[in-house]
Amino acid sequence: MSVGSSSHVRSASAWAPLAAPVFRALWIAQFVSNTGTWMQTVGAQWLLLGHGAGHCFR
């Protein structure tokens, strides 16, 4: 062991990167963006299903 090091080793938490404000802001912005993309996709599919897109291929 090196001088000044502790014998108690701590493992890093999976949530540790969220302690950095810039990373946390980027993560939240990406989460909101992905949620919006998902909502748009579901909305478009729902709209096509509701209007009966099958008649377009006849």
PDB file of N, CA and C in Angstrom:
ATOM      1  N   MET A   1       0.824  -1.183   0.000  1.00  0.00           N
ATOM      2  CA  MET A   1       0.000   0.000   0.000  1.00  0.00           C
ATOM      3  C   MET A   1       0.863   1.238   0.000  1.00  0.00           C
ATOM      4  N   SER A   2       0.387   2.257  -0.661  1.00  0.00           N
ATOM      5  CA  SER A   2       1.153   3.490  -0.704  1.00  0.00           C
ATOM      6  C   SER A   2       0.919   4.300   0.564  1.00  0.00           C
ATOM      7  N   VAL A   3       1.835   5.205   0.826  1.00  0.00           N
ATOM      8  CA  VAL A   3       1.751   6.043   2.017  1.00  0.00           C
ATOM      9  C   VAL A   3       0.574   7.000   1.882  1.00  0.00           C
ATOM     10  N   GLY A   4      -0.225   7.105   2.923  1.00  0.00           N
ATOM     11  CA  GLY A   4      -1.343   8.031   2.926  1.00  0.00           C
ATOM     12  C   GLY A   4      -2.627   7.453   2.366  1.00  0.00           C
ATOM     13  N   SER A   5      -2.571   6.221   1.883  1.00  0.00           N
ATOM     14  CA  SER A   5      -3.798   5.644   1.355  1.00  0.00           C
ATOM     15  C   SER A   5      -4.545   4.922   2.469  1.00  0.00           C
ATOM     16  N   SER A   6      -5.816   4.873   2.329  1.00  0.00           N
ATOM     17  CA  SER A   6      -6.663   4.239   3.336  1.00  0.00           C
ATOM     18  C   SER A   6      -6.801   2.758   3.014  1.00  0.00           C
ATOM     19  N   SER A   7      -6.944   1.971   4.048  1.00  0.00           N
ATOM     20  CA  SER A   7      -7.143   0.541   3.824  1.00  0.00           C
ATOM     21  C   SER A   7      -8.602   0.266   3.458  1.00  0.00           C
ATOM     22  N   HIS A   8      -9.453   1.243   3.679  1.00  0.00           N
ATOM     23  CA  HIS A   8     -10.864   1.088   3.344  1.00  0.00           C
ATOM     24  C   HIS A   8     -11.075   1.573   1.904  1.00  0.00           C
ATOM     25  N   VAL A   9     -11.428   0.663   1.004  1.00  0.00           N
ATOM     26  CA  VAL A   9     -11.634   0.997  -0.398  1.00  0.00           C
ATOM     27  C   VAL A   9     -13.130   1.139  -0.633  1.00  0.00           C
ATOM     28  N   ARG A  10     -13.501   2.259  -1.224  1.00  0.00           N
ATOM     29  CA  ARG A  10     -14.898   2.536  -1.507  1.00  0.00           C
ATOM     30  C   ARG A  10     -15.182   2.319  -2.981  1.00  0.00           C
ATOM     31  N   SER A  11     -16.261   1.627  -3.275  1.00  0.00           N
ATOM     32  CA  SER A  11     -16.625   1.454  -4.680  1.00  0.00           C
ATOM     33  C   SER A  11     -17.450   2.664  -5.126  1.00  0.00           C
ATOM     34  N   ALA A  12     -17.283   3.035  -6.364  1.00  0.00           N
ATOM     35  CA  ALA A  12     -17.996   4.188  -6.909  1.00  0.00           C
ATOM     36  C   ALA A  12     -19.462   3.817  -7.140  1.00  0.00           C
ATOM     37  N   SER A  13     -20.323   4.750  -6.857  1.00  0.00           N
ATOM     38  CA  SER A  13     -21.749   4.540  -7.060  1.00  0.00           C
ATOM     39  C   SER A  13     -22.101   4.745  -8.526  1.00  0.00           C
ATOM     40  N   ALA A  14     -23.132   4.070  -8.973  1.00  0.00           N
ATOM     41  CA  ALA A  14     -23.601   4.251 -10.340  1.00  0.00           C
ATOM     42  C   ALA A  14     -24.194   5.641 -10.536  1.00  0.00           C
ATOM     43  N   TRP A  15     -24.613   6.279  -9.460  1.00  0.00           N
ATOM     44  CA  TRP A  15     -25.221   7.607  -9.513  1.00  0.00           C
ATOM     45  C   TRP A  15     -24.189   8.725  -9.346  1.00  0.00           C
ATOM     46  N   ALA A  16     -22.942   8.394  -9.136  1.00  0.00           N
ATOM     47  CA  ALA A  16     -21.900   9.391  -8.894  1.00  0.00           C
ATOM     48  C   ALA A  16     -21.751  10.418 -10.025  1.00  0.00           C
ATOM     49  N   PRO A  17     -21.864  10.034 -11.302  1.00  0.00           N
ATOM     50  CA  PRO A  17     -21.720  11.050 -12.355  1.00  0.00           C
ATOM     51  C   PRO A  17     -22.791  12.141 -12.310  1.00  0.00           C
ATOM     52  N   LEU A  18     -23.949  11.837 -11.752  1.00  0.00           N
ATOM     53  CA  LEU A  18     -25.010  12.844 -11.672  1.00  0.00           C
ATOM     54  C   LEU A  18     -24.711  13.937 -10.658  1.00  0.00           C
ATOM     55  N   ALA A  19     -23.639  13.788  -9.913  1.00  0.00           N
ATOM     56  CA  ALA A  19     -23.237  14.825  -8.966  1.00  0.00           C
ATOM     57  C   ALA A  19     -22.650  16.039  -9.686  1.00  0.00           C
ATOM     58  N   ALA A  20     -22.168  15.841 -10.907  1.00  0.00           N
ATOM     59  CA  ALA A  20     -21.624  16.949 -11.695  1.00  0.00           C
ATOM     60  C   ALA A  20     -22.790  17.703 -12.338  1.00  0.00           C
ATOM     61  N   PRO A  21     -22.921  19.006 -12.084  1.00  0.00           N
ATOM     62  CA  PRO A  21     -24.070  19.768 -12.587  1.00  0.00           C
ATOM     63  C   PRO A  21     -24.231  19.750 -14.114  1.00  0.00           C
ATOM     64  N   VAL A  22     -23.120  19.825 -14.838  1.00  0.00           N
ATOM     65  CA  VAL A  22     -23.201  19.842 -16.296  1.00  0.00           C
ATOM     66  C   VAL A  22     -23.693  18.492 -16.816  1.00  0.00           C
ATOM     67  N   PHE A  23     -23.153  17.406 -16.281  1.00  0.00           N
ATOM     68  CA  PHE A  23     -23.578  16.078 -16.706  1.00  0.00           C
ATOM     69  C   PHE A  23     -25.045  15.844 -16.350  1.00  0.00           C
ATOM     70  N   ARG A  24     -25.453  16.281 -15.159  1.00  0.00           N
ATOM     71  CA  ARG A  24     -26.842  16.114 -14.730  1.00  0.00           C
ATOM     72  C   ARG A  24     -27.794  16.878 -15.649  1.00  0.00           C
ATOM     73  N   ALA A  25     -27.443  18.118 -16.014  1.00  0.00           N
ATOM     74  CA  ALA A  25     -28.277  18.913 -16.920  1.00  0.00           C
ATOM     75  C   ALA A  25     -28.367  18.258 -18.301  1.00  0.00           C
ATOM     76  N   LEU A  26     -27.252  17.749 -18.790  1.00  0.00           N
ATOM     77  CA  LEU A  26     -27.244  17.076 -20.085  1.00  0.00           C
ATOM     78  C   LEU A  26     -28.093  15.813 -20.051  1.00  0.00           C
ATOM     79  N   TRP A  27     -27.992  15.055 -18.970  1.00  0.00           N
ATOM     80  CA  TRP A  27     -28.764  13.815 -18.830  1.00  0.00           C
ATOM     81  C   TRP A  27     -30.258  14.113 -18.786  1.00  0.00           C
ATOM     82  N   ILE A  28     -30.657  15.134 -18.044  1.00  0.00           N
ATOM     83  CA  ILE A  28     -32.071  15.501 -17.947  1.00  0.00           C
ATOM     84  C   ILE A  28     -32.583  15.984 -19.302  1.00  0.00           C
ATOM     85  N   ALA A  29     -31.805  16.804 -20.005  1.00  0.00           N
ATOM     86  CA  ALA A  29     -32.211  17.295 -21.319  1.00  0.00           C
ATOM     87  C   ALA A  29     -32.367  16.143 -22.309  1.00  0.00           C
ATOM     88  N   GLN A  30     -31.471  15.185 -22.264  1.00  0.00           N
ATOM     89  CA  GLN A  30     -31.560  14.022 -23.157  1.00  0.00           C
ATOM     90  C   GLN A  30     -32.776  13.174 -22.824  1.00  0.00           C
ATOM     91  N   PHE A  31     -33.081  13.026 -21.544  1.00  0.00           N
ATOM     92  CA  PHE A  31     -34.241  12.255 -21.109  1.00  0.00           C
ATOM     93  C   PHE A  31     -35.536  12.912 -21.605  1.00  0.00           C
ATOM     94  N   VAL A  32     -35.628  14.226 -21.459  1.00  0.00           N
ATOM     95  CA  VAL A  32     -36.813  14.963 -21.923  1.00  0.00           C
ATOM     96  C   VAL A  32     -36.940  14.861 -23.446  1.00  0.00           C
ATOM     97  N   SER A  33     -35.834  14.974 -24.163  1.00  0.00           N
ATOM     98  CA  SER A  33     -35.852  14.874 -25.616  1.00  0.00           C
ATOM     99  C   SER A  33     -36.306  13.491 -26.067  1.00  0.00           C
ATOM    100  N   ASN A  34     -35.789  12.454 -25.447  1.00  0.00           N
ATOM    101  CA  ASN A  34     -36.189  11.089 -25.804  1.00  0.00           C
ATOM    102  C   ASN A  34     -37.661  10.850 -25.497  1.00  0.00           C
ATOM    103  N   THR A  35     -38.148  11.410 -24.393  1.00  0.00           N
ATOM    104  CA  THR A  35     -39.560  11.269 -24.051  1.00  0.00           C
ATOM    105  C   THR A  35     -40.425  11.955 -25.100  1.00  0.00           C
ATOM    106  N   GLY A  36     -40.038  13.140 -25.549  1.00  0.00           N
ATOM    107  CA  GLY A  36     -40.776  13.849 -26.585  1.00  0.00           C
ATOM    108  C   GLY A  36     -40.787  13.098 -27.906  1.00  0.00           C
ATOM    109  N   THR A  37     -39.665  12.505 -28.263  1.00  0.00           N
ATOM    110  CA  THR A  37     -39.588  11.714 -29.488  1.00  0.00           C
ATOM    111  C   THR A  37     -40.510  10.511 -29.409  1.00  0.00           C
ATOM    112  N   TRP A  38     -40.511   9.849 -28.256  1.00  0.00           N
ATOM    113  CA  TRP A  38     -41.391   8.702 -28.054  1.00  0.00           C
ATOM    114  C   TRP A  38     -42.852   9.126 -28.167  1.00  0.00           C
ATOM    115  N   MET A  39     -43.218  10.247 -27.558  1.00  0.00           N
ATOM    116  CA  MET A  39     -44.596  10.721 -27.605  1.00  0.00           C
ATOM    117  C   MET A  39     -45.006  11.068 -29.036  1.00  0.00           C
ATOM    118  N   GLN A  40     -44.115  11.668 -29.816  1.00  0.00           N
ATOM    119  CA  GLN A  40     -44.426  12.004 -31.195  1.00  0.00           C
ATOM    120  C   GLN A  40     -44.631  10.734 -32.025  1.00  0.00           C
ATOM    121  N   THR A  41     -43.790   9.739 -31.821  1.00  0.00           N
ATOM    122  CA  THR A  41     -43.901   8.490 -32.559  1.00  0.00           C
ATOM    123  C   THR A  41     -45.217   7.794 -32.238  1.00  0.00           C
ATOM    124  N   VAL A  42     -45.534   7.691 -30.959  1.00  0.00           N
ATOM    125  CA  VAL A  42     -46.779   7.046 -30.557  1.00  0.00           C
ATOM    126  C   VAL A  42     -47.977   7.823 -31.086  1.00  0.00           C
ATOM    127  N   GLY A  43     -47.919   9.149 -31.031  1.00  0.00           N
ATOM    128  CA  GLY A  43     -49.013   9.971 -31.542  1.00  0.00           C
ATOM    129  C   GLY A  43     -49.221   9.785 -33.037  1.00  0.00           C
ATOM    130  N   ALA A  44     -48.163   9.745 -33.800  1.00  0.00           N
ATOM    131  CA  ALA A  44     -48.268   9.558 -35.246  1.00  0.00           C
ATOM    132  C   ALA A  44     -48.841   8.182 -35.575  1.00  0.00           C
ATOM    133  N   GLN A  45     -48.397   7.151 -34.861  1.00  0.00           N
ATOM    134  CA  GLN A  45     -48.919   5.813 -35.095  1.00  0.00           C
ATOM    135  C   GLN A  45     -50.390   5.721 -34.713  1.00  0.00           C
ATOM    136  N   TRP A  46     -50.749   6.365 -33.628  1.00  0.00           N
ATOM    137  CA  TRP A  46     -52.134   6.372 -33.176  1.00  0.00           C
ATOM    138  C   TRP A  46     -53.020   7.088 -34.193  1.00  0.00           C
ATOM    139  N   LEU A  47     -52.531   8.209 -34.727  1.00  0.00           N
ATOM    140  CA  LEU A  47     -53.278   8.956 -35.725  1.00  0.00           C
ATOM    141  C   LEU A  47     -53.498   8.110 -36.977  1.00  0.00           C
ATOM    142  N   LEU A  48     -52.459   7.449 -37.457  1.00  0.00           N
ATOM    143  CA  LEU A  48     -52.601   6.598 -38.635  1.00  0.00           C
ATOM    144  C   LEU A  48     -53.553   5.446 -38.377  1.00  0.00           C
ATOM    145  N   LEU A  49     -53.493   4.879 -37.204  1.00  0.00           N
ATOM    146  CA  LEU A  49     -54.384   3.777 -36.860  1.00  0.00           C
ATOM    147  C   LEU A  49     -55.830   4.260 -36.800  1.00  0.00           C
ATOM    148  N   GLY A  50     -56.040   5.440 -36.254  1.00  0.00           N
ATOM    149  CA  GLY A  50     -57.376   5.992 -36.132  1.00  0.00           C
ATOM    150  C   GLY A  50     -57.999   6.380 -37.455  1.00  0.00           C
ATOM    151  N   HIS A  51     -57.183   6.822 -38.408  1.00  0.00           N
ATOM    152  CA  HIS A  51     -57.696   7.230 -39.706  1.00  0.00           C
ATOM    153  C   HIS A  51     -57.786   6.075 -40.683  1.00  0.00           C
ATOM    154  N   GLY A  52     -57.334   4.920 -40.284  1.00  0.00           N
ATOM    155  CA  GLY A  52     -57.406   3.764 -41.180  1.00  0.00           C
ATOM    156  C   GLY A  52     -56.471   3.907 -42.350  1.00  0.00           C
ATOM    157  N   ALA A  53     -55.199   3.755 -42.114  1.00  0.00           N
ATOM    158  CA  ALA A  53     -54.200   3.926 -43.165  1.00  0.00           C
ATOM    159  C   ALA A  53     -54.274   2.819 -44.211  1.00  0.00           C
ATOM    160  N   GLY A  54     -55.045   1.782 -43.961  1.00  0.00           N
ATOM    161  CA  GLY A  54     -55.144   0.669 -44.902  1.00  0.00           C
ATOM    162  C   GLY A  54     -55.704   1.073 -46.246  1.00  0.00           C
ATOM    163  N   HIS A  55     -56.574   2.090 -46.302  1.00  0.00           N
ATOM    164  CA  HIS A  55     -57.161   2.491 -47.579  1.00  0.00           C
ATOM    165  C   HIS A  55     -56.141   3.143 -48.504  1.00  0.00           C
ATOM    166  N   CYS A  56     -54.995   3.526 -48.007  1.00  0.00           N
ATOM    167  CA  CYS A  56     -53.963   4.148 -48.843  1.00  0.00           C
ATOM    168  C   CYS A  56     -53.305   3.141 -49.793  1.00  0.00           C
ATOM    169  N   PHE A  57     -53.390   1.868 -49.458  1.00  0.00           N
ATOM    170  CA  PHE A  57     -52.683   0.839 -50.230  1.00  0.00           C
ATOM    171  C   PHE A  57     -53.611   0.075 -51.164  1.00  0.00           C
ATOM    172  N   ARG A  58     -54.839   0.507 -51.293  1.00  0.00           N
ATOM    173  CA  ARG A  58     -55.776  -0.218 -52.166  1.00  0.00           C
ATOM    174  C   ARG A  58     -55.798   0.383 -53.535  1.00  0.00           C
TER     175      ARG A  58
END
